[in-house]
Protein backbone atom coordinates (compact mmCIF):
# COMPACT_ATOMS: atom_id res chain seq x y z
CA MET A 1 131.89 165.44 104.94
CA ARG A 2 134.98 163.45 105.74
CA GLU A 3 135.31 160.24 103.77
CA PHE A 4 137.13 157.27 105.27
CA ASN A 5 139.84 155.64 103.24
CA PHE A 6 141.24 152.74 105.21
CA PRO A 7 143.93 150.50 103.69
CA LYS A 8 142.61 147.33 102.11
CA ALA A 9 144.20 144.01 101.29
CA ILE A 10 143.04 141.10 99.21
CA THR A 11 143.93 137.47 99.68
CA LEU A 12 144.82 135.48 96.59
CA ARG A 13 143.99 131.78 96.27
CA LEU A 14 145.33 129.38 93.68
CA ASP A 15 144.20 125.76 93.60
CA LEU A 16 146.74 123.80 91.58
CA ASP A 17 144.68 120.58 91.51
CA ARG A 18 141.84 122.01 89.44
CA GLU A 19 141.51 121.17 85.77
CA ASP A 20 140.23 124.56 84.63
CA LYS A 21 142.88 127.08 83.76
CA ALA A 22 143.85 129.69 86.34
CA ARG A 23 143.04 133.23 85.23
CA GLY A 24 145.79 134.88 87.25
CA PHE A 25 145.54 138.14 89.17
CA PRO A 26 142.75 140.31 87.81
CA SER A 27 144.05 143.15 85.70
CA SER A 28 141.05 145.26 86.69
CA ALA A 29 141.37 144.81 90.48
CA GLU A 30 141.68 148.56 90.99
CA VAL A 31 138.27 148.91 89.30
CA ASP A 32 136.56 145.78 90.69
CA LEU A 33 137.45 146.08 94.36
CA PRO A 34 135.93 149.55 94.88
CA ILE A 35 132.73 148.30 93.19
CA ILE A 36 132.63 145.27 95.48
CA GLU A 37 133.19 147.50 98.52
CA LYS A 38 130.43 149.88 97.39
CA ASN A 39 128.06 146.96 96.77
CA ARG A 40 128.93 145.59 100.22
CA SER A 41 127.99 148.95 101.75
CA GLU A 42 124.81 149.08 99.68
CA ILE A 43 123.73 145.63 100.89
CA LEU A 44 124.33 146.59 104.52
CA ALA A 45 122.42 149.87 104.05
CA ALA A 46 119.62 148.08 102.18
CA MET A 47 119.11 145.78 105.14
CA ILE A 48 118.61 148.78 107.40
CA THR A 49 116.00 150.03 104.94
CA ILE A 50 114.23 146.65 104.87
CA GLU A 51 114.25 146.48 108.66
CA ASP A 52 112.78 149.99 108.90
CA ARG A 53 110.09 149.11 106.34
CA ILE A 54 109.17 145.94 108.26
CA ILE A 55 108.79 147.98 111.46
CA GLU A 56 106.68 150.59 109.68
CA ALA A 57 104.50 147.98 107.97
CA MET A 58 103.84 146.18 111.26
CA SER A 59 103.11 149.37 113.16
CA LYS A 60 100.78 150.78 110.50
CA TYR A 61 98.81 147.57 110.31
CA LEU A 62 98.62 146.86 114.04
CA PHE A 63 98.12 150.45 115.21
CA LYS A 64 96.47 152.24 112.31
CA GLU A 65 93.92 153.85 114.63
CA SER A 66 96.43 155.66 116.85
CA LYS A 67 99.63 157.49 116.05
CA ASP A 68 100.54 157.56 119.77
CA LYS A 69 100.25 153.77 120.07
CA ARG A 70 102.12 153.28 116.83
CA ASP A 71 104.95 155.58 117.92
CA TYR A 72 105.17 153.80 121.28
CA PHE A 73 105.32 150.40 119.54
CA ILE A 74 108.10 151.62 117.23
CA ASN A 75 110.18 153.49 119.80
CA GLU A 76 109.78 151.28 122.86
CA VAL A 77 109.14 147.79 121.51
CA ILE A 78 109.92 146.62 117.98
CA GLY A 79 112.35 149.41 117.06
CA THR A 80 114.71 148.74 119.95
CA SER A 81 118.00 146.94 119.58
CA ASP A 82 116.66 144.19 121.86
CA PHE A 83 114.83 142.72 118.88
CA THR A 84 117.04 141.24 116.18
CA PHE A 85 116.32 141.36 112.49
CA SER A 86 115.53 137.65 112.68
CA PHE A 87 112.84 138.31 115.31
CA LYS A 88 111.36 141.20 113.32
CA ARG A 89 111.32 139.07 110.16
CA LYS A 90 109.50 136.25 111.94
CA ALA A 91 107.00 138.59 113.61
CA PHE A 92 106.32 140.33 110.29
CA THR A 93 105.77 137.15 108.29
CA ARG A 94 103.60 135.70 111.09
CA MET A 95 101.50 138.87 110.99
CA LEU A 96 101.11 138.48 107.23
CA GLU A 97 100.00 134.87 107.73
CA GLN A 98 97.73 135.48 110.72
CA PHE A 99 95.81 138.33 109.12
CA LYS A 100 96.01 136.95 105.56
CA LEU A 101 97.66 140.10 104.22
CA LEU A 102 99.52 138.14 101.55
CA ASP A 103 98.74 134.87 99.81
CA PRO A 104 100.62 131.75 101.01
CA ASP A 105 102.88 131.66 97.93
CA GLY A 106 103.75 135.33 98.42
CA ILE A 107 104.59 134.72 102.08
CA LYS A 108 106.73 131.72 101.18
CA LYS A 109 108.64 133.77 98.60
CA LEU A 110 109.02 136.70 101.01
CA LYS A 111 110.38 134.41 103.76
CA ALA A 112 112.92 132.92 101.34
CA ASN A 113 113.98 136.36 100.14
CA LEU A 114 114.30 137.79 103.65
CA ASN A 115 116.40 134.77 104.62
CA LYS A 116 118.70 135.39 101.63
CA LEU A 117 119.05 139.06 102.52
CA MET A 118 119.86 138.19 106.13
CA LEU A 119 122.46 135.63 105.04
CA TRP A 120 124.08 138.07 102.59
CA ARG A 121 124.11 140.85 105.16
CA ASN A 122 125.87 138.62 107.66
CA ALA A 123 128.27 137.32 105.01
CA PHE A 124 129.27 140.82 103.93
CA ALA A 125 129.44 142.12 107.50
CA HIS A 126 131.68 139.31 108.74
CA GLY A 127 133.19 137.73 105.64
CA GLU A 128 136.37 138.25 103.68
CA VAL A 129 136.64 139.02 99.97
CA ILE A 130 139.38 137.05 98.24
CA HIS A 131 140.44 136.61 94.66
CA ASP A 132 140.44 133.02 93.51
CA HIS A 133 142.53 132.46 90.40
CA HIS A 134 139.79 130.18 89.04
CA ASP A 135 136.49 131.65 90.27
CA GLY A 136 137.28 135.36 90.42
CA TYR A 137 136.13 137.32 93.47
CA VAL A 138 134.77 135.18 96.29
CA LEU A 139 133.24 136.12 99.62
CA LYS A 140 134.33 133.65 102.31
CA TYR A 141 132.14 133.56 105.41
CA TYR A 142 130.90 131.26 108.13
CA SER A 143 127.25 130.24 108.37
CA GLY A 144 126.83 126.81 109.94
CA GLY A 145 130.15 125.95 108.33
CA HIS A 146 132.60 127.60 105.98
CA GLN A 147 130.78 129.02 102.95
CA GLU A 148 131.78 130.85 99.80
CA LEU A 149 129.84 133.11 97.50
CA ILE A 150 131.10 134.03 94.03
CA LEU A 151 130.81 137.78 93.54
CA ASN A 152 129.91 138.52 89.95
CA ASP A 153 127.28 140.46 88.03
CA GLU A 154 124.82 137.57 88.28
CA PHE A 155 125.04 137.56 92.08
CA PHE A 156 124.69 141.33 92.43
CA GLU A 157 121.71 141.37 90.02
CA LYS A 158 120.05 138.61 92.06
CA ALA A 159 120.73 140.51 95.29
CA GLU A 160 119.21 143.69 93.87
CA GLU A 161 116.14 141.83 92.59
CA THR A 162 115.69 140.13 95.98
CA PHE A 163 115.98 143.44 97.85
CA ARG A 164 113.48 145.15 95.53
CA SER A 165 111.02 142.26 95.90
CA CYS A 166 111.08 142.52 99.71
CA LEU A 167 110.83 146.29 99.60
CA TYR A 168 107.83 146.05 97.26
CA VAL A 169 105.96 143.77 99.70
CA CYS A 170 106.73 145.99 102.71
CA ASN A 171 105.72 149.15 100.87
CA GLY A 172 102.50 147.49 99.73
CA ILE A 173 101.51 146.72 103.32
CA ILE A 174 102.45 150.25 104.42
CA GLN A 175 100.50 151.94 101.62
CA SER A 176 97.40 149.80 102.12
CA HIS A 177 97.29 150.59 105.85
CA GLU A 178 98.02 154.29 106.05
CA LEU A 179 97.17 155.91 109.37
CA LYS A 180 93.54 157.04 109.43
CA THR A 181 93.99 159.82 112.00
């Protein structure tokens, strides 16, 4: 399989008015940048997985009695590009609330986590990675204003934990409502 290898550039930022000492250009940029790019790709792919699991969870709960109805719902309604991730997220969490499939605290946590995943997906899809001489690698993006996210091990661990938490909830709904036919 052909692998793309497009040229990449990184913007450097140095704020001279800060009191903390500038770290300078990272000596391990040739190691760090490919990891950041891979993690960016993983986050984008993970969101596709979460979206697919939300669709499957909704269809298995709502149409557990009929594979034909479930397939129609997936292929012609919820699985189409007409419905955004935001819509699917809202419909899914409303379903969980309406039919009491998850306790209120679990729903609140799931909503918060899905919102984080959506924000991170948009940030990585549309943002720019820069190297700040003080903060290290930063993802600059726009979300209701200019935002920045420091890219470090702590962030990527939090992102992975958040993704796994959402996946766990979706898989739980799917497994508890397997098709009976």
